[in-house]
Amino acid sequence: MSIAVINNSKIEWAKGYGTLVAGGPAPVDAASIFQAASTTKLLVSAMALHYVEKGRFDLDKDINTYLQSWKIPENEFTAKKRSRSADSSPISRSQSAGGGFSREEGSVPTLVQVLKGEKPATNQPAVVEFEPGSRWEYSNFDFVVIQLLLEEALGKP
C-alpha cells in the first residue's frame, strides 16, 4: 500500500508500506506505481459531474468537441448516437479487460498511448464496437477518456 497527501496539486507527503508482491522481498516505497483501477471510478465520475454542474461540460454535447490530443475514432456506430453513461458505452472492452493498460520495460504509457494502443501500452486501440445505448457492457476505456477530458480541460495531470 502507498499513501500520499496532496495539497494544491502537489504531493506534500508520501509513504509506502509492505512489499510489491505478497511475501516478496521488494518493499513498497513512495515511488512505487500501482494501478488504482476501478477504485477511482467514483472519484472520476464525481469530478466530471462537478464540472458539468459548473457549466464546463455539457453531457448532451459530443465529447470529441472537448478532446484535443485524441478523439473517439468515427465509424458506423458513432454516426448513430452518443451514450452519456460510461457503463453502457460501446468503447471496446475486450481489449481492456485483464490489465490491458499494463506497462512494458519500466515505461508508463500516456493516456493517449493507451487510447491509441501504442507502445508502451499493451492494449488494442479504443474503438466503438457497437451502437451506443443498444446494450450494457462494462468499460474501462471510458474512464480513460474522461480522465483525458479532465486533464486537458483543467490543464492538470
Protein backbone atom coordinates (compact mmCIF):
# COMPACT_ATOMS: atom_id res chain seq x y z
CA MET A 1 0.00 0.00 0.00
CA SER A 2 1.10 3.55 -0.54
CA ILE A 3 -0.39 6.74 0.82
CA ALA A 4 0.05 10.27 -0.47
CA VAL A 5 -1.25 13.57 0.84
CA ILE A 6 -1.88 16.01 -2.00
CA ASN A 7 -2.47 19.73 -1.45
CA ASN A 8 -2.87 22.28 -4.26
CA SER A 9 -1.93 19.63 -6.84
CA LYS A 10 1.39 18.91 -5.10
CA ILE A 11 2.43 15.88 -3.08
CA GLU A 12 3.12 17.01 0.47
CA TRP A 13 3.82 13.60 1.96
CA ALA A 14 4.08 10.04 0.65
CA LYS A 15 4.98 6.71 2.24
CA GLY A 16 4.86 3.05 1.24
CA TYR A 17 4.04 0.01 3.35
CA GLY A 18 4.51 -3.69 2.72
CA THR A 19 6.04 -5.42 -0.31
CA LEU A 20 5.37 -5.05 -4.04
CA VAL A 21 4.38 -8.71 -4.29
CA ALA A 22 2.79 -10.52 -1.36
CA GLY A 23 5.59 -12.27 0.52
CA GLY A 24 8.23 -10.83 -1.85
CA PRO A 25 11.44 -9.05 -0.86
CA ALA A 26 10.97 -5.72 -2.71
CA PRO A 27 9.45 -3.11 -0.39
CA VAL A 28 6.81 -0.59 -1.39
CA ASP A 29 8.14 2.97 -1.29
CA ALA A 30 6.86 6.44 -2.22
CA ALA A 31 7.89 5.88 -5.87
CA SER A 32 6.05 2.53 -6.27
CA ILE A 33 3.41 2.55 -9.01
CA PHE A 34 0.06 0.82 -8.55
CA GLN A 35 -2.95 0.67 -10.84
CA ALA A 36 -5.81 2.23 -8.94
CA ALA A 37 -8.27 0.66 -11.40
CA SER A 38 -11.96 0.72 -10.52
CA THR A 39 -11.39 2.37 -7.14
CA THR A 40 -11.06 5.70 -8.94
CA LYS A 41 -14.28 5.48 -10.96
CA LEU A 42 -16.45 7.05 -8.26
CA LEU A 43 -13.98 9.92 -7.84
CA VAL A 44 -13.65 10.50 -11.60
CA SER A 45 -17.43 10.43 -12.03
CA ALA A 46 -18.00 12.90 -9.18
CA MET A 47 -15.29 15.20 -10.51
CA ALA A 48 -16.68 15.14 -14.05
CA LEU A 49 -20.22 15.82 -12.82
CA HIS A 50 -18.92 18.68 -10.66
CA TYR A 51 -17.66 20.36 -13.83
CA VAL A 52 -20.92 19.57 -15.66
CA GLU A 53 -22.77 21.33 -12.83
CA LYS A 54 -20.39 24.31 -13.15
CA GLY A 55 -21.20 24.51 -16.87
CA ARG A 56 -17.75 23.43 -18.05
CA PHE A 57 -19.13 20.38 -19.92
CA ASP A 58 -22.49 19.54 -21.45
CA LEU A 59 -23.49 15.87 -21.24
CA ASP A 60 -25.51 16.21 -24.46
CA LYS A 61 -22.55 17.51 -26.46
CA ASP A 62 -20.23 15.22 -28.44
CA ILE A 63 -17.16 14.61 -26.23
CA ASN A 64 -14.91 14.93 -29.30
CA THR A 65 -15.66 18.67 -29.28
CA TYR A 66 -13.86 18.88 -25.93
CA LEU A 67 -10.98 16.45 -26.55
CA GLN A 68 -7.80 17.88 -28.07
CA SER A 69 -4.96 15.31 -28.26
CA TRP A 70 -7.13 12.30 -29.13
CA LYS A 71 -10.66 11.83 -30.49
CA ILE A 72 -13.01 8.85 -30.32
CA PRO A 73 -12.49 7.33 -33.77
CA GLU A 74 -15.51 7.73 -36.04
CA ASN A 75 -17.08 4.62 -37.53
CA GLU A 76 -20.51 3.27 -38.49
CA PHE A 77 -21.55 3.07 -34.82
CA THR A 78 -20.54 6.59 -33.75
CA ALA A 79 -22.65 8.09 -36.53
CA LYS A 80 -25.84 6.79 -34.89
CA LYS A 81 -25.77 8.47 -31.46
CA ARG A 82 -23.59 9.00 -28.39
CA SER A 83 -24.09 7.48 -24.95
CA ARG A 84 -23.62 9.51 -21.77
CA SER A 85 -23.36 6.53 -19.44
CA ALA A 86 -19.89 5.06 -19.09
CA ASP A 87 -21.23 1.63 -18.21
CA SER A 88 -23.38 1.48 -21.35
CA SER A 89 -20.67 2.79 -23.61
CA PRO A 90 -19.72 0.97 -26.78
CA ILE A 91 -15.97 1.69 -26.47
CA SER A 92 -14.05 -1.57 -26.72
CA ARG A 93 -13.89 -3.66 -23.59
CA SER A 94 -12.48 -6.90 -24.86
CA GLN A 95 -9.03 -5.36 -25.19
CA SER A 96 -9.21 -3.52 -21.87
CA ALA A 97 -10.13 -6.47 -19.69
CA GLY A 98 -7.40 -8.13 -17.68
CA GLY A 99 -5.00 -5.22 -17.27
CA GLY A 100 -4.60 -4.04 -20.85
CA PHE A 101 -3.15 -0.83 -19.52
CA SER A 102 -0.03 -2.56 -18.22
CA ARG A 103 3.40 -1.15 -18.82
CA GLU A 104 6.41 -2.66 -20.51
CA GLU A 105 10.12 -2.24 -19.87
CA GLY A 106 9.57 0.10 -16.94
CA SER A 107 7.73 2.68 -19.07
CA VAL A 108 4.37 4.12 -18.15
CA PRO A 109 2.20 4.86 -21.20
CA THR A 110 0.49 8.21 -21.57
CA LEU A 111 -3.29 8.33 -21.75
CA VAL A 112 -3.09 8.98 -25.50
CA GLN A 113 -0.78 5.95 -25.97
CA VAL A 114 -3.31 3.79 -24.08
CA LEU A 115 -6.21 5.11 -26.15
CA LYS A 116 -4.29 4.66 -29.42
CA GLY A 117 -2.94 1.25 -28.37
CA GLU A 118 0.66 2.43 -28.87
CA LYS A 119 3.74 1.17 -27.02
CA PRO A 120 4.50 1.07 -24.16
CA ALA A 121 0.75 0.38 -23.68
CA THR A 122 -0.12 -3.27 -24.26
CA ASN A 123 -3.76 -2.92 -25.28
CA GLN A 124 -5.50 -2.56 -28.64
CA PRO A 125 -6.78 0.93 -29.60
CA ALA A 126 -10.01 2.17 -28.04
CA VAL A 127 -12.78 1.98 -30.64
CA VAL A 128 -16.56 1.98 -30.62
CA GLU A 129 -17.69 -1.62 -31.21
CA PHE A 130 -21.50 -1.37 -31.20
CA GLU A 131 -24.28 1.19 -31.33
CA PRO A 132 -24.33 3.43 -28.24
CA GLY A 133 -27.23 2.63 -25.92
CA SER A 134 -28.01 -0.68 -27.64
CA ARG A 135 -26.75 -2.83 -24.76
CA TRP A 136 -24.95 -2.67 -21.43
CA GLU A 137 -21.28 -3.58 -21.09
CA TYR A 138 -18.62 -2.61 -18.60
CA SER A 139 -15.89 -0.33 -19.96
CA ASN A 140 -12.57 0.79 -18.50
CA PHE A 141 -11.64 2.80 -21.57
CA ASP A 142 -14.49 5.24 -20.91
CA PHE A 143 -12.80 6.37 -17.72
CA VAL A 144 -9.50 6.83 -19.54
CA VAL A 145 -11.39 9.10 -21.98
CA ILE A 146 -12.98 11.03 -19.08
CA GLN A 147 -9.56 11.36 -17.43
CA LEU A 148 -8.10 12.76 -20.66
CA LEU A 149 -11.04 15.18 -20.93
CA LEU A 150 -10.50 16.42 -17.37
CA GLU A 151 -6.72 16.72 -17.76
CA GLU A 152 -6.99 18.71 -20.98
CA ALA A 153 -9.84 20.94 -19.81
CA LEU A 154 -8.23 21.69 -16.44
CA GLY A 155 -4.62 21.78 -17.65
CA LYS A 156 -3.51 19.42 -14.86
CA PRO A 157 -2.45 15.76 -14.88
